[in-house]
Amino acid sequence: MQEDFWNVDWDKEFAEELQEDELALFEKLAKEVVQRQLTVPAVMLIESFKPFNWIGSQLMLMLEPITVYMFNIREMQIVRRALQKRDAMEVFVQKIEKADSEFGPKKKKKRSSDE
């Protein structure tokens, strides 16, 4: 079933564990964070936001009729679903740290060789 604003996959919506599409989006976002060299600020922000992830998901749900016109609705729904799960923020931090260990040193070596 194609999930959009009006058609919701309720199995994914109420799943306890993170789904494959949620993990894939976390990996994509983690790579973006590392490429922009925002690893430390992102981890600090996520760690401070951790107690409020469910509230954030409900805020995203409330604003969904407005944000559908500004952002990719599919990715917004995936992030919102992921934020409803208790361990999502910890998994996201782990994905960022993994991406930083894979891609971060390459950038550091490249910068030091440029100097």
C-alpha atoms as a PDB file:
ATOM      1  CA  MET A   1       0.000   0.000   0.000  1.00  0.00           C
ATOM      2  CA  GLN A   2       1.302   3.441  -0.908  1.00  0.00           C
ATOM      3  CA  GLU A   3       1.563   5.495   2.255  1.00  0.00           C
ATOM      4  CA  ASP A   4       0.666   9.157   1.964  1.00  0.00           C
ATOM      5  CA  PHE A   5      -1.114  11.776   4.008  1.00  0.00           C
ATOM      6  CA  TRP A   6      -4.493  10.006   3.865  1.00  0.00           C
ATOM      7  CA  ASN A   7      -3.433   6.343   3.678  1.00  0.00           C
ATOM      8  CA  VAL A   8      -1.479   5.160   6.696  1.00  0.00           C
ATOM      9  CA  ASP A   9       0.196   1.786   7.216  1.00  0.00           C
ATOM     10  CA  TRP A  10      -0.959   1.137  10.774  1.00  0.00           C
ATOM     11  CA  ASP A  11       1.403  -1.809  11.285  1.00  0.00           C
ATOM     12  CA  LYS A  12       4.374   0.507  10.758  1.00  0.00           C
ATOM     13  CA  GLU A  13       2.729   3.284  12.733  1.00  0.00           C
ATOM     14  CA  PHE A  14       2.441   1.207  15.907  1.00  0.00           C
ATOM     15  CA  ALA A  15       5.496  -1.045  15.530  1.00  0.00           C
ATOM     16  CA  GLU A  16       7.692  -1.242  18.626  1.00  0.00           C
ATOM     17  CA  GLU A  17      10.965  -1.748  16.748  1.00  0.00           C
ATOM     18  CA  LEU A  18      12.536   0.606  14.219  1.00  0.00           C
ATOM     19  CA  GLN A  19      11.608  -0.374  10.664  1.00  0.00           C
ATOM     20  CA  GLU A  20      14.033  -0.779   7.741  1.00  0.00           C
ATOM     21  CA  ASP A  21      12.972   2.487   6.106  1.00  0.00           C
ATOM     22  CA  GLU A  22      13.501   4.353   9.385  1.00  0.00           C
ATOM     23  CA  LEU A  23      16.988   2.894   9.811  1.00  0.00           C
ATOM     24  CA  ALA A  24      17.837   3.698   6.176  1.00  0.00           C
ATOM     25  CA  LEU A  25      16.733   7.311   6.641  1.00  0.00           C
ATOM     26  CA  PHE A  26      18.791   7.569   9.843  1.00  0.00           C
ATOM     27  CA  GLU A  27      21.846   6.367   7.892  1.00  0.00           C
ATOM     28  CA  LYS A  28      21.194   8.919   5.149  1.00  0.00           C
ATOM     29  CA  LEU A  29      20.790  11.737   7.688  1.00  0.00           C
ATOM     30  CA  ALA A  30      23.888  10.601   9.602  1.00  0.00           C
ATOM     31  CA  LYS A  31      26.002  10.792   6.432  1.00  0.00           C
ATOM     32  CA  GLU A  32      24.679  14.299   5.764  1.00  0.00           C
ATOM     33  CA  VAL A  33      25.562  15.376   9.301  1.00  0.00           C
ATOM     34  CA  VAL A  34      29.115  14.024   8.972  1.00  0.00           C
ATOM     35  CA  GLN A  35      29.620  15.510   5.499  1.00  0.00           C
ATOM     36  CA  ARG A  36      28.647  18.930   6.843  1.00  0.00           C
ATOM     37  CA  GLN A  37      31.030  18.418   9.796  1.00  0.00           C
ATOM     38  CA  LEU A  38      28.248  18.806  12.350  1.00  0.00           C
ATOM     39  CA  THR A  39      28.846  15.584  14.263  1.00  0.00           C
ATOM     40  CA  VAL A  40      29.456  17.081  17.711  1.00  0.00           C
ATOM     41  CA  PRO A  41      26.651  19.692  17.610  1.00  0.00           C
ATOM     42  CA  ALA A  42      24.210  17.115  16.216  1.00  0.00           C
ATOM     43  CA  VAL A  43      25.013  14.560  18.907  1.00  0.00           C
ATOM     44  CA  MET A  44      24.691  17.216  21.624  1.00  0.00           C
ATOM     45  CA  LEU A  45      21.332  18.370  20.242  1.00  0.00           C
ATOM     46  CA  ILE A  46      20.018  14.814  19.930  1.00  0.00           C
ATOM     47  CA  GLU A  47      21.158  13.900  23.439  1.00  0.00           C
ATOM     48  CA  SER A  48      19.396  16.956  24.868  1.00  0.00           C
ATOM     49  CA  PHE A  49      16.258  16.239  22.806  1.00  0.00           C
ATOM     50  CA  LYS A  50      16.128  12.551  23.813  1.00  0.00           C
ATOM     51  CA  PRO A  51      13.563  12.924  26.633  1.00  0.00           C
ATOM     52  CA  PHE A  52      11.225  14.821  24.305  1.00  0.00           C
ATOM     53  CA  ASN A  53      11.342  12.638  21.189  1.00  0.00           C
ATOM     54  CA  TRP A  54       7.735  11.446  21.566  1.00  0.00           C
ATOM     55  CA  ILE A  55       6.496  15.008  22.080  1.00  0.00           C
ATOM     56  CA  GLY A  56       8.446  16.038  18.974  1.00  0.00           C
ATOM     57  CA  SER A  57       6.783  13.288  16.957  1.00  0.00           C
ATOM     58  CA  GLN A  58       3.353  14.502  18.053  1.00  0.00           C
ATOM     59  CA  LEU A  59       4.285  18.076  17.142  1.00  0.00           C
ATOM     60  CA  MET A  60       5.327  16.838  13.701  1.00  0.00           C
ATOM     61  CA  LEU A  61       1.977  15.053  13.403  1.00  0.00           C
ATOM     62  CA  MET A  62       0.121  18.234  14.328  1.00  0.00           C
ATOM     63  CA  LEU A  63       2.077  20.286  11.759  1.00  0.00           C
ATOM     64  CA  GLU A  64       1.912  17.645   9.012  1.00  0.00           C
ATOM     65  CA  PRO A  65      -0.927  19.337   7.060  1.00  0.00           C
ATOM     66  CA  ILE A  66       1.278  22.439   6.769  1.00  0.00           C
ATOM     67  CA  THR A  67       4.674  20.792   6.265  1.00  0.00           C
ATOM     68  CA  VAL A  68       3.353  18.562   3.487  1.00  0.00           C
ATOM     69  CA  TYR A  69       3.760  21.538   1.146  1.00  0.00           C
ATOM     70  CA  MET A  70       7.305  22.413   2.247  1.00  0.00           C
ATOM     71  CA  PHE A  71       9.087  19.094   2.828  1.00  0.00           C
ATOM     72  CA  ASN A  72       9.200  15.572   1.470  1.00  0.00           C
ATOM     73  CA  ILE A  73       6.110  14.106   3.147  1.00  0.00           C
ATOM     74  CA  ARG A  74       7.389  10.530   2.922  1.00  0.00           C
ATOM     75  CA  GLU A  75      10.604  11.305   4.810  1.00  0.00           C
ATOM     76  CA  MET A  76       8.746  13.457   7.344  1.00  0.00           C
ATOM     77  CA  GLN A  77       6.403  10.558   8.121  1.00  0.00           C
ATOM     78  CA  ILE A  78       9.317   8.164   8.509  1.00  0.00           C
ATOM     79  CA  VAL A  79      11.078  10.530  10.931  1.00  0.00           C
ATOM     80  CA  ARG A  80       7.847  11.080  12.865  1.00  0.00           C
ATOM     81  CA  ARG A  81       7.253   7.330  13.151  1.00  0.00           C
ATOM     82  CA  ALA A  82      10.831   6.777  14.282  1.00  0.00           C
ATOM     83  CA  LEU A  83      10.609   9.505  16.929  1.00  0.00           C
ATOM     84  CA  GLN A  84       7.667   7.706  18.513  1.00  0.00           C
ATOM     85  CA  LYS A  85       9.970   4.839  19.461  1.00  0.00           C
ATOM     86  CA  ARG A  86      11.896   5.076  22.704  1.00  0.00           C
ATOM     87  CA  ASP A  87      15.312   3.934  21.423  1.00  0.00           C
ATOM     88  CA  ALA A  88      15.269   5.932  18.171  1.00  0.00           C
ATOM     89  CA  MET A  89      17.505   8.758  19.368  1.00  0.00           C
ATOM     90  CA  GLU A  90      20.155   6.371  20.677  1.00  0.00           C
ATOM     91  CA  VAL A  91      20.141   4.483  17.368  1.00  0.00           C
ATOM     92  CA  PHE A  92      20.469   7.775  15.479  1.00  0.00           C
ATOM     93  CA  VAL A  93      23.454   8.828  17.605  1.00  0.00           C
ATOM     94  CA  GLN A  94      25.072   5.450  16.926  1.00  0.00           C
ATOM     95  CA  LYS A  95      24.509   5.901  13.172  1.00  0.00           C
ATOM     96  CA  ILE A  96      26.133   9.354  13.319  1.00  0.00           C
ATOM     97  CA  GLU A  97      29.120   8.022  15.257  1.00  0.00           C
ATOM     98  CA  LYS A  98      29.485   5.117  12.829  1.00  0.00           C
ATOM     99  CA  ALA A  99      29.326   7.464   9.829  1.00  0.00           C
ATOM    100  CA  ASP A 100      31.860   9.745  11.513  1.00  0.00           C
ATOM    101  CA  SER A 101      34.253   6.851  12.033  1.00  0.00           C
ATOM    102  CA  GLU A 102      33.843   5.808   8.380  1.00  0.00           C
ATOM    103  CA  PHE A 103      33.839   9.191   6.654  1.00  0.00           C
ATOM    104  CA  GLY A 104      35.265  11.574   9.254  1.00  0.00           C
ATOM    105  CA  PRO A 105      38.932  10.478   9.172  1.00  0.00           C
ATOM    106  CA  LYS A 106      39.026  10.720   5.369  1.00  0.00           C
ATOM    107  CA  LYS A 107      38.028  14.367   5.568  1.00  0.00           C
ATOM    108  CA  LYS A 108      40.532  15.047   8.336  1.00  0.00           C
ATOM    109  CA  LYS A 109      43.350  13.477   6.300  1.00  0.00           C
ATOM    110  CA  LYS A 110      42.308  15.434   3.228  1.00  0.00           C
ATOM    111  CA  ARG A 111      42.276  18.726   5.174  1.00  0.00           C
ATOM    112  CA  SER A 112      45.668  18.088   6.760  1.00  0.00           C
ATOM    113  CA  SER A 113      47.217  17.278   3.367  1.00  0.00           C
ATOM    114  CA  ASP A 114      45.776  20.511   1.904  1.00  0.00           C
ATOM    115  CA  GLU A 115      47.555  22.631   4.532  1.00  0.00           C
END
